[in-house]
Amino acid sequence: MDISRKLGILVFFGVPAIVGGGIVYGFAGSYMPVAIYEVALYLVAGAIVSR
């Protein structure tokens, strides 16, 4: 996998991190679930990019 594809995957996961973080905060009203959501999202993105 070339570098441009890896960067594209990270951007693809970056947008849901921003938008989804706001949605999770809206439902939960706290930053802890947002942190858990974002860590899980970045772990999945890291696993995909590292392949």
C-alpha atoms as a PDB file:
ATOM      1  CA  MET A   1       0.000   0.000   0.000  1.00  0.00           C
ATOM      2  CA  ASP A   2       1.546   3.316  -1.042  1.00  0.00           C
ATOM      3  CA  ILE A   3       1.756   6.420   1.116  1.00  0.00           C
ATOM      4  CA  SER A   4      -1.036   8.316  -0.637  1.00  0.00           C
ATOM      5  CA  ARG A   5      -3.474   5.485  -0.001  1.00  0.00           C
ATOM      6  CA  LYS A   6      -2.476   5.335   3.681  1.00  0.00           C
ATOM      7  CA  LEU A   7      -2.997   9.076   4.058  1.00  0.00           C
ATOM      8  CA  GLY A   8      -6.363   8.788   2.319  1.00  0.00           C
ATOM      9  CA  ILE A   9      -7.461   6.125   4.795  1.00  0.00           C
ATOM     10  CA  LEU A  10      -6.420   8.328   7.716  1.00  0.00           C
ATOM     11  CA  VAL A  11      -8.404  11.254   6.284  1.00  0.00           C
ATOM     12  CA  PHE A  12     -11.347   8.919   5.725  1.00  0.00           C
ATOM     13  CA  PHE A  13     -11.262   8.026   9.436  1.00  0.00           C
ATOM     14  CA  GLY A  14     -10.510  11.605  10.543  1.00  0.00           C
ATOM     15  CA  VAL A  15     -13.815  13.022   9.356  1.00  0.00           C
ATOM     16  CA  PRO A  16     -15.942  10.524  11.342  1.00  0.00           C
ATOM     17  CA  ALA A  17     -13.747  11.227  14.362  1.00  0.00           C
ATOM     18  CA  ILE A  18     -14.692  14.911  14.269  1.00  0.00           C
ATOM     19  CA  VAL A  19     -18.350  14.536  13.346  1.00  0.00           C
ATOM     20  CA  GLY A  20     -18.917  11.375  15.367  1.00  0.00           C
ATOM     21  CA  GLY A  21     -17.218  12.895  18.390  1.00  0.00           C
ATOM     22  CA  GLY A  22     -19.789  15.661  18.379  1.00  0.00           C
ATOM     23  CA  ILE A  23     -22.631  13.196  18.031  1.00  0.00           C
ATOM     24  CA  VAL A  24     -21.323  11.030  20.870  1.00  0.00           C
ATOM     25  CA  TYR A  25     -20.928  14.118  23.058  1.00  0.00           C
ATOM     26  CA  GLY A  26     -24.474  15.171  22.209  1.00  0.00           C
ATOM     27  CA  PHE A  27     -25.861  11.818  23.336  1.00  0.00           C
ATOM     28  CA  ALA A  28     -23.622  11.271  26.359  1.00  0.00           C
ATOM     29  CA  GLY A  29     -22.998  14.835  27.540  1.00  0.00           C
ATOM     30  CA  SER A  30     -19.488  13.958  28.663  1.00  0.00           C
ATOM     31  CA  TYR A  31     -16.042  13.807  27.123  1.00  0.00           C
ATOM     32  CA  MET A  32     -15.131  10.324  28.391  1.00  0.00           C
ATOM     33  CA  PRO A  33     -17.325   8.454  25.849  1.00  0.00           C
ATOM     34  CA  VAL A  34     -15.923  10.745  23.142  1.00  0.00           C
ATOM     35  CA  ALA A  35     -12.381   9.768  24.119  1.00  0.00           C
ATOM     36  CA  ILE A  36     -13.283   6.075  24.075  1.00  0.00           C
ATOM     37  CA  TYR A  37     -14.962   6.444  20.666  1.00  0.00           C
ATOM     38  CA  GLU A  38     -11.988   8.259  19.181  1.00  0.00           C
ATOM     39  CA  VAL A  39      -9.406   5.829  20.582  1.00  0.00           C
ATOM     40  CA  ALA A  40     -11.386   2.898  19.159  1.00  0.00           C
ATOM     41  CA  LEU A  41     -11.685   4.640  15.799  1.00  0.00           C
ATOM     42  CA  TYR A  42      -7.962   5.402  15.636  1.00  0.00           C
ATOM     43  CA  LEU A  43      -7.074   1.832  16.623  1.00  0.00           C
ATOM     44  CA  VAL A  44      -9.132   0.530  13.712  1.00  0.00           C
ATOM     45  CA  ALA A  45      -7.568   3.075  11.359  1.00  0.00           C
ATOM     46  CA  GLY A  46      -4.085   2.166  12.596  1.00  0.00           C
ATOM     47  CA  ALA A  47      -4.755  -1.528  12.074  1.00  0.00           C
ATOM     48  CA  ILE A  48      -5.896  -0.903   8.512  1.00  0.00           C
ATOM     49  CA  VAL A  49      -2.972   1.373   7.673  1.00  0.00           C
ATOM     50  CA  SER A  50      -0.388  -0.950   9.214  1.00  0.00           C
ATOM     51  CA  ARG A  51      -1.351  -3.851   6.962  1.00  0.00           C
END
